[in-house]
Amino acid sequence: MADHCIACQGPGEISFRALEVRTLPVRDLGGEKKVQALGDFVEVSVCRSCAEKQLDLKLDPLKASRNSNLRFGGILLLGLVLVVLNYLFLGGGWMYTALGIAAVICGVLGIYENVKTGREKKAELTSLSPEKALEKAAWSVALACLPKKEPSDVDLTYIPVTEETLARKNGDLMILYHLVPAIALEAHKKIHEKAASHKS
């Protein structure tokens, strides 16, 4: 396993093995589809300090979504300003009013969704044991630091080889990790083979 924390280069204390998934979006006459292939297994570690900071953040939904909420708040405010200016100075035309109302709705829905998601994540983490919650937070740190894209426009995602993932069926992997059916089947096989070889 990796010796150093992927986030701060400190000692790697919580380690993960994950299967890389390579996805290339392809556009053709039938629309957009994706071509997928499995990459190699990657090994990554996170220190407890970085994991604890991430866990504290996820246990405070408002703080965790602050930056995103500020952006949506800006959209909401811009929408309100547009509606007011339209009625005061632009004659109240329907186009600017519609744009303003759309921006307000977008802002409100964005903030609502952020808060809702944050609360769901908090509820999920508080239902786990402290060590399991810390492990979830550490994986979140690792995911944030792992490469997301290759220069060739290939998107990179990762499936962790954990007890939770190993307990899932290939259909679950397909939904959770946005895999095409054949790749979900192959990924299910590979992570179980890797787990078995690690135990032996």
Protein backbone atom coordinates (compact mmCIF):
# COMPACT_ATOMS: atom_id res chain seq x y z
CA MET A 1 0.00 0.00 0.00
CA ALA A 2 1.03 3.64 -0.45
CA ASP A 3 3.22 4.94 2.39
CA HIS A 4 2.17 8.59 2.25
CA CYS A 5 -1.12 10.43 2.52
CA ILE A 6 -2.31 11.39 -0.96
CA ALA A 7 -3.57 14.75 0.37
CA CYS A 8 -0.78 16.06 2.62
CA GLN A 9 2.11 13.60 2.08
CA GLY A 10 2.09 12.73 5.78
CA PRO A 11 2.14 9.10 6.95
CA GLY A 12 -0.50 6.99 5.18
CA GLU A 13 -2.61 5.44 7.94
CA ILE A 14 -5.86 4.45 6.21
CA SER A 15 -5.18 2.55 2.99
CA PHE A 16 -7.34 1.61 0.04
CA ARG A 17 -7.06 -0.57 -3.01
CA ALA A 18 -9.33 0.51 -5.87
CA LEU A 19 -10.06 -0.58 -9.42
CA GLU A 20 -9.72 2.14 -12.03
CA VAL A 21 -12.54 2.55 -14.58
CA ARG A 22 -11.74 4.37 -17.82
CA THR A 23 -14.68 5.97 -19.65
CA LEU A 24 -14.59 7.70 -23.02
CA PRO A 25 -17.77 9.57 -24.04
CA VAL A 26 -18.38 9.02 -27.78
CA ARG A 27 -20.82 10.95 -29.96
CA ASP A 28 -22.19 9.36 -33.10
CA LEU A 29 -25.34 9.58 -35.23
CA GLY A 30 -27.32 7.72 -32.56
CA GLY A 31 -26.40 10.26 -29.85
CA GLU A 32 -23.87 10.03 -27.04
CA LYS A 33 -22.70 6.72 -25.63
CA LYS A 34 -19.77 5.68 -23.50
CA VAL A 35 -16.97 3.25 -24.15
CA GLN A 36 -15.59 1.76 -20.95
CA ALA A 37 -12.64 -0.36 -19.95
CA LEU A 38 -11.15 -1.39 -16.64
CA GLY A 39 -7.73 -0.05 -15.78
CA ASP A 40 -5.29 -1.25 -13.13
CA PHE A 41 -5.72 -1.48 -9.40
CA VAL A 42 -4.40 1.60 -7.62
CA GLU A 43 -3.24 1.83 -4.03
CA VAL A 44 -3.74 4.99 -2.04
CA SER A 45 -3.47 6.05 1.61
CA VAL A 46 -4.84 8.89 3.69
CA CYS A 47 -3.63 10.06 7.11
CA ARG A 48 -6.03 10.14 10.07
CA SER A 49 -5.71 13.91 10.35
CA CYS A 50 -6.98 14.52 6.79
CA ALA A 51 -9.73 11.92 7.28
CA GLU A 52 -10.84 13.53 10.56
CA LYS A 53 -10.99 17.00 8.95
CA GLN A 54 -13.14 15.61 6.15
CA LEU A 55 -15.38 13.78 8.62
CA ASP A 56 -15.88 16.97 10.66
CA LEU A 57 -16.80 18.80 7.46
CA LYS A 58 -19.31 16.14 6.39
CA LEU A 59 -20.91 16.17 9.83
CA ASP A 60 -21.65 19.89 9.37
CA PRO A 61 -23.89 20.00 6.24
CA LEU A 62 -24.05 23.81 6.06
CA LYS A 63 -20.28 24.17 6.28
CA ALA A 64 -19.70 21.34 3.79
CA SER A 65 -21.94 22.97 1.17
CA ARG A 66 -20.97 26.58 1.92
CA ASN A 67 -19.07 27.27 -1.31
CA SER A 68 -21.75 25.69 -3.47
CA ASN A 69 -24.49 27.50 -1.55
CA LEU A 70 -22.70 30.81 -2.07
CA ARG A 71 -22.71 30.18 -5.82
CA PHE A 72 -26.40 29.31 -5.84
CA GLY A 73 -27.08 32.26 -3.55
CA GLY A 74 -25.36 34.50 -6.11
CA ILE A 75 -27.58 33.09 -8.87
CA LEU A 76 -30.66 33.67 -6.72
CA LEU A 77 -29.61 37.27 -5.96
CA LEU A 78 -28.83 37.92 -9.62
CA GLY A 79 -32.30 36.68 -10.55
CA LEU A 80 -33.95 38.99 -8.01
CA VAL A 81 -31.90 41.96 -9.21
CA LEU A 82 -32.79 41.21 -12.83
CA VAL A 83 -36.53 41.09 -12.06
CA VAL A 84 -36.41 44.34 -10.06
CA LEU A 85 -34.28 46.21 -12.64
CA ASN A 86 -36.52 44.96 -15.41
CA TYR A 87 -39.61 46.42 -13.78
CA LEU A 88 -37.92 49.66 -12.72
CA PHE A 89 -35.89 50.49 -15.83
CA LEU A 90 -36.57 48.08 -18.70
CA GLY A 91 -40.35 48.28 -18.95
CA GLY A 92 -41.17 44.91 -17.39
CA GLY A 93 -40.67 42.82 -20.54
CA TRP A 94 -41.46 39.11 -20.21
CA MET A 95 -38.02 37.86 -21.37
CA TYR A 96 -35.98 39.44 -18.55
CA THR A 97 -38.68 38.59 -16.02
CA ALA A 98 -38.62 34.93 -17.12
CA LEU A 99 -34.79 34.85 -16.95
CA GLY A 100 -34.85 36.39 -13.48
CA ILE A 101 -37.49 33.99 -12.17
CA ALA A 102 -35.59 31.03 -13.66
CA ALA A 103 -32.40 32.18 -11.88
CA VAL A 104 -34.27 32.53 -8.57
CA ILE A 105 -35.75 29.03 -8.92
CA CYS A 106 -32.34 27.59 -9.86
CA GLY A 107 -30.74 29.23 -6.81
CA VAL A 108 -33.43 28.04 -4.39
CA LEU A 109 -33.43 24.47 -5.74
CA GLY A 110 -29.62 24.32 -5.69
CA ILE A 111 -29.41 25.41 -2.06
CA TYR A 112 -32.24 23.04 -1.08
CA GLU A 113 -30.56 20.09 -2.83
CA ASN A 114 -27.19 20.87 -1.20
CA VAL A 115 -28.69 21.01 2.29
CA LYS A 116 -30.73 17.84 1.69
CA THR A 117 -27.71 15.91 0.38
CA GLY A 118 -25.57 17.15 3.25
CA ARG A 119 -28.12 16.00 5.81
CA GLU A 120 -28.40 12.59 4.16
CA LYS A 121 -24.60 12.16 4.24
CA LYS A 122 -24.50 13.24 7.88
CA ALA A 123 -27.24 10.74 8.76
CA GLU A 124 -25.35 7.98 6.93
CA LEU A 125 -22.08 8.76 8.75
CA THR A 126 -23.66 9.05 12.19
CA SER A 127 -25.26 5.62 11.72
CA LEU A 128 -21.80 4.04 11.32
CA SER A 129 -19.22 3.14 13.92
CA PRO A 130 -16.55 5.86 14.43
CA GLU A 131 -13.92 3.83 12.55
CA LYS A 132 -16.24 3.07 9.62
CA ALA A 133 -17.25 6.73 9.41
CA LEU A 134 -13.58 7.74 9.40
CA GLU A 135 -12.88 5.21 6.65
CA LYS A 136 -15.73 6.69 4.54
CA ALA A 137 -14.32 10.17 5.05
CA ALA A 138 -10.81 8.96 4.14
CA TRP A 139 -12.11 7.44 0.90
CA SER A 140 -13.75 10.76 0.12
CA VAL A 141 -10.35 12.47 0.56
CA ALA A 142 -8.68 9.86 -1.66
CA LEU A 143 -11.32 10.30 -4.39
CA ALA A 144 -10.87 14.07 -4.35
CA CYS A 145 -7.11 13.67 -4.90
CA LEU A 146 -7.01 10.82 -7.43
CA PRO A 147 -6.78 11.79 -11.14
CA LYS A 148 -10.19 12.35 -12.74
CA LYS A 149 -9.21 12.68 -16.38
CA GLU A 150 -6.50 11.77 -18.86
CA PRO A 151 -5.26 14.16 -21.57
CA SER A 152 -7.05 11.98 -24.13
CA ASP A 153 -10.44 13.01 -22.63
CA VAL A 154 -10.81 9.67 -20.86
CA ASP A 155 -12.71 10.05 -17.56
CA LEU A 156 -11.29 8.14 -14.59
CA THR A 157 -13.40 6.76 -11.75
CA TYR A 158 -12.59 4.25 -9.03
CA ILE A 159 -14.27 1.29 -7.33
CA PRO A 160 -12.86 0.63 -3.84
CA VAL A 161 -12.15 -2.96 -2.85
CA THR A 162 -13.89 -2.84 0.53
CA GLU A 163 -16.16 -5.22 2.45
CA GLU A 164 -19.11 -3.04 1.45
CA THR A 165 -18.25 -3.17 -2.26
CA LEU A 166 -17.49 -6.90 -2.17
CA ALA A 167 -20.95 -7.55 -0.73
CA ARG A 168 -22.63 -5.89 -3.73
CA LYS A 169 -23.88 -7.67 -6.84
CA ASN A 170 -22.68 -6.65 -10.29
CA GLY A 171 -26.03 -4.91 -10.90
CA ASP A 172 -25.42 -2.75 -7.84
CA LEU A 173 -21.96 -1.85 -9.11
CA MET A 174 -23.45 -0.94 -12.48
CA ILE A 175 -25.84 1.56 -10.88
CA LEU A 176 -23.50 2.96 -8.21
CA TYR A 177 -20.48 3.46 -10.46
CA HIS A 178 -22.30 4.17 -13.77
CA LEU A 179 -20.93 1.10 -15.52
CA VAL A 180 -22.12 -0.55 -18.69
CA PRO A 181 -23.37 -4.12 -17.97
CA ALA A 182 -20.36 -6.00 -19.39
CA ILE A 183 -17.90 -3.83 -17.45
CA ALA A 184 -19.93 -4.18 -14.24
CA LEU A 185 -19.70 -7.97 -14.59
CA GLU A 186 -15.96 -7.83 -15.26
CA ALA A 187 -15.37 -5.38 -12.38
CA HIS A 188 -17.31 -7.63 -9.98
CA LYS A 189 -15.10 -10.56 -10.96
CA LYS A 190 -11.83 -8.60 -10.73
CA ILE A 191 -12.41 -7.06 -7.31
CA HIS A 192 -13.36 -10.46 -5.86
CA GLU A 193 -10.26 -12.05 -7.40
CA LYS A 194 -8.12 -9.24 -5.97
CA ALA A 195 -9.66 -9.61 -2.51
CA ALA A 196 -9.13 -13.38 -2.61
CA SER A 197 -5.49 -13.06 -3.67
CA HIS A 198 -4.88 -10.48 -0.93
CA LYS A 199 -6.26 -12.86 1.73
CA SER A 200 -4.24 -15.86 0.53
